[in-house]
Amino acid sequence: MTIPIGITVNGVDHSFTEPPTVREVLEQLNLPCQGVAVAVDGALFPKSRWDEQVGRGWEIEVLTAVQGG
């Protein structure tokens, strides 16, 4: 029996049967991979690490830049 991998993305809980990479999470949830920053548990997660598998219970925030004046 496989135990699901539970993570939170932008405040919404998600469950995966196999541990995805950060990049796969973005793709599966139809989130942009360009022009965004990713934070894991409140700390910036560099794009160079997006091909690493997520851990059970991670809290991921996907942040986009906003222009303003």
N, C-alpha and C. Protein backbone atom coordinates (compact mmCIF):
# COMPACT_ATOMS: atom_id res chain seq x y z
N MET A 1 0.84 -1.19 0.00
CA MET A 1 0.00 0.00 0.00
C MET A 1 0.88 1.25 0.00
N THR A 2 0.58 2.17 -0.89
CA THR A 2 1.34 3.41 -1.01
C THR A 2 0.68 4.49 -0.16
N ILE A 3 1.50 5.17 0.62
CA ILE A 3 1.00 6.29 1.44
C ILE A 3 1.13 7.55 0.61
N PRO A 4 0.02 8.28 0.42
CA PRO A 4 0.07 9.50 -0.40
C PRO A 4 1.01 10.56 0.19
N ILE A 5 1.56 11.35 -0.70
CA ILE A 5 2.42 12.47 -0.32
C ILE A 5 1.52 13.70 -0.26
N GLY A 6 1.33 14.25 0.91
CA GLY A 6 0.49 15.44 1.08
C GLY A 6 1.33 16.69 1.15
N ILE A 7 1.00 17.67 0.32
CA ILE A 7 1.66 18.97 0.35
C ILE A 7 0.60 20.06 0.23
N THR A 8 0.98 21.27 0.59
CA THR A 8 0.08 22.42 0.46
C THR A 8 0.70 23.38 -0.55
N VAL A 9 -0.10 23.79 -1.53
CA VAL A 9 0.37 24.74 -2.53
C VAL A 9 -0.57 25.94 -2.52
N ASN A 10 -0.01 27.11 -2.21
CA ASN A 10 -0.79 28.35 -2.13
C ASN A 10 -2.01 28.19 -1.24
N GLY A 11 -1.83 27.50 -0.12
CA GLY A 11 -2.89 27.35 0.86
C GLY A 11 -3.88 26.24 0.60
N VAL A 12 -3.70 25.48 -0.48
CA VAL A 12 -4.62 24.39 -0.82
C VAL A 12 -3.89 23.06 -0.69
N ASP A 13 -4.50 22.10 0.01
CA ASP A 13 -3.90 20.79 0.20
C ASP A 13 -4.02 19.95 -1.07
N HIS A 14 -2.94 19.23 -1.38
CA HIS A 14 -2.91 18.34 -2.54
C HIS A 14 -2.28 17.03 -2.11
N SER A 15 -2.65 15.95 -2.79
CA SER A 15 -2.13 14.64 -2.48
C SER A 15 -1.60 13.99 -3.76
N PHE A 16 -0.42 13.40 -3.68
CA PHE A 16 0.21 12.74 -4.82
C PHE A 16 0.55 11.31 -4.43
N THR A 17 0.38 10.37 -5.36
CA THR A 17 0.69 8.97 -5.06
C THR A 17 2.19 8.72 -5.07
N GLU A 18 2.92 9.45 -5.91
CA GLU A 18 4.38 9.38 -5.98
C GLU A 18 4.93 10.77 -5.72
N PRO A 19 6.07 10.89 -5.07
CA PRO A 19 6.61 12.23 -4.80
C PRO A 19 7.03 12.94 -6.09
N PRO A 20 6.34 14.03 -6.43
CA PRO A 20 6.71 14.78 -7.64
C PRO A 20 7.86 15.73 -7.35
N THR A 21 8.45 16.26 -8.41
CA THR A 21 9.42 17.35 -8.25
C THR A 21 8.64 18.65 -8.13
N VAL A 22 9.30 19.69 -7.72
CA VAL A 22 8.66 21.00 -7.63
C VAL A 22 8.14 21.40 -9.02
N ARG A 23 8.95 21.19 -10.04
CA ARG A 23 8.56 21.52 -11.42
C ARG A 23 7.30 20.75 -11.82
N GLU A 24 7.22 19.46 -11.47
CA GLU A 24 6.04 18.64 -11.80
C GLU A 24 4.80 19.13 -11.07
N VAL A 25 4.97 19.58 -9.83
CA VAL A 25 3.83 20.14 -9.09
C VAL A 25 3.27 21.34 -9.83
N LEU A 26 4.15 22.25 -10.25
CA LEU A 26 3.70 23.43 -10.98
C LEU A 26 2.97 23.04 -12.26
N GLU A 27 3.54 22.08 -13.00
CA GLU A 27 2.93 21.66 -14.26
C GLU A 27 1.58 20.99 -14.03
N GLN A 28 1.51 20.08 -13.06
CA GLN A 28 0.26 19.34 -12.80
C GLN A 28 -0.85 20.25 -12.30
N LEU A 29 -0.49 21.32 -11.61
CA LEU A 29 -1.49 22.24 -11.08
C LEU A 29 -1.72 23.44 -12.02
N ASN A 30 -1.15 23.36 -13.23
CA ASN A 30 -1.29 24.42 -14.24
C ASN A 30 -0.84 25.78 -13.72
N LEU A 31 0.25 25.78 -12.97
CA LEU A 31 0.85 27.01 -12.48
C LEU A 31 2.03 27.37 -13.39
N PRO A 32 2.32 28.65 -13.57
CA PRO A 32 3.42 29.03 -14.47
C PRO A 32 4.78 28.61 -13.91
N CYS A 33 5.67 28.28 -14.84
CA CYS A 33 7.05 27.95 -14.46
C CYS A 33 7.99 29.11 -14.76
N GLN A 34 7.50 30.11 -15.49
CA GLN A 34 8.30 31.28 -15.85
C GLN A 34 7.78 32.49 -15.10
N GLY A 35 8.68 33.35 -14.67
CA GLY A 35 8.29 34.60 -14.03
C GLY A 35 7.72 34.43 -12.64
N VAL A 36 8.05 33.33 -11.97
CA VAL A 36 7.57 33.09 -10.62
C VAL A 36 8.73 32.75 -9.70
N ALA A 37 8.50 32.93 -8.42
CA ALA A 37 9.42 32.49 -7.39
C ALA A 37 8.68 31.45 -6.56
N VAL A 38 9.41 30.49 -6.04
CA VAL A 38 8.82 29.44 -5.22
C VAL A 38 9.44 29.51 -3.83
N ALA A 39 8.59 29.44 -2.83
CA ALA A 39 9.04 29.37 -1.44
C ALA A 39 8.54 28.05 -0.85
N VAL A 40 9.40 27.40 -0.09
CA VAL A 40 9.04 26.16 0.59
C VAL A 40 9.19 26.40 2.09
N ASP A 41 8.10 26.22 2.80
CA ASP A 41 8.08 26.44 4.25
C ASP A 41 8.63 27.83 4.60
N GLY A 42 8.27 28.82 3.76
CA GLY A 42 8.63 30.20 4.04
C GLY A 42 10.00 30.64 3.56
N ALA A 43 10.78 29.74 2.97
CA ALA A 43 12.12 30.09 2.49
C ALA A 43 12.18 29.97 0.98
N LEU A 44 12.85 30.91 0.33
CA LEU A 44 13.01 30.88 -1.12
C LEU A 44 13.61 29.55 -1.54
N PHE A 45 13.03 28.94 -2.57
CA PHE A 45 13.50 27.66 -3.10
C PHE A 45 14.01 27.94 -4.50
N PRO A 46 15.34 27.96 -4.71
CA PRO A 46 15.90 28.39 -5.99
C PRO A 46 15.50 27.48 -7.15
N LYS A 47 15.37 28.08 -8.31
CA LYS A 47 14.97 27.35 -9.51
C LYS A 47 15.94 26.21 -9.81
N SER A 48 17.17 26.34 -9.41
CA SER A 48 18.16 25.28 -9.63
C SER A 48 17.81 24.00 -8.88
N ARG A 49 16.87 24.08 -7.94
CA ARG A 49 16.47 22.90 -7.15
C ARG A 49 15.07 22.39 -7.51
N TRP A 50 14.43 22.98 -8.53
CA TRP A 50 13.07 22.60 -8.88
C TRP A 50 12.93 21.17 -9.37
N ASP A 51 14.03 20.51 -9.72
CA ASP A 51 13.95 19.12 -10.16
C ASP A 51 14.13 18.14 -9.01
N GLU A 52 14.16 18.64 -7.79
CA GLU A 52 14.20 17.78 -6.60
C GLU A 52 12.78 17.38 -6.22
N GLN A 53 12.64 16.19 -5.66
CA GLN A 53 11.33 15.73 -5.22
C GLN A 53 10.88 16.50 -3.99
N VAL A 54 9.57 16.75 -3.92
CA VAL A 54 9.02 17.42 -2.75
C VAL A 54 8.96 16.44 -1.58
N GLY A 55 8.95 16.98 -0.39
CA GLY A 55 8.84 16.17 0.81
C GLY A 55 7.43 16.19 1.36
N ARG A 56 7.08 15.15 2.06
CA ARG A 56 5.76 15.05 2.69
C ARG A 56 5.55 16.24 3.63
N GLY A 57 4.40 16.91 3.49
CA GLY A 57 4.06 18.01 4.38
C GLY A 57 4.62 19.37 3.98
N TRP A 58 5.31 19.45 2.85
CA TRP A 58 5.86 20.74 2.43
C TRP A 58 4.73 21.75 2.23
N GLU A 59 5.01 23.00 2.56
CA GLU A 59 4.10 24.11 2.25
C GLU A 59 4.78 24.96 1.20
N ILE A 60 4.21 24.93 0.00
CA ILE A 60 4.79 25.63 -1.15
C ILE A 60 3.95 26.84 -1.49
N GLU A 61 4.62 27.96 -1.71
CA GLU A 61 3.96 29.18 -2.18
C GLU A 61 4.58 29.54 -3.52
N VAL A 62 3.72 29.79 -4.50
CA VAL A 62 4.18 30.22 -5.81
C VAL A 62 3.84 31.71 -5.91
N LEU A 63 4.88 32.52 -6.07
CA LEU A 63 4.74 33.97 -6.04
C LEU A 63 5.04 34.56 -7.41
N THR A 64 4.20 35.48 -7.83
CA THR A 64 4.43 36.18 -9.10
C THR A 64 4.76 37.64 -8.82
N ALA A 65 5.57 38.20 -9.69
CA ALA A 65 5.93 39.62 -9.56
C ALA A 65 4.75 40.47 -10.01
N VAL A 66 4.53 41.56 -9.30
CA VAL A 66 3.44 42.48 -9.64
C VAL A 66 4.03 43.86 -9.84
N GLN A 67 3.69 44.48 -10.97
CA GLN A 67 4.16 45.84 -11.21
C GLN A 67 3.22 46.82 -10.57
N GLY A 68 3.77 47.89 -10.10
CA GLY A 68 2.93 48.90 -9.48
C GLY A 68 3.68 50.21 -9.39
N GLY A 69 3.00 51.19 -8.86
CA GLY A 69 3.66 52.47 -8.80
C GLY A 69 3.48 53.16 -7.49
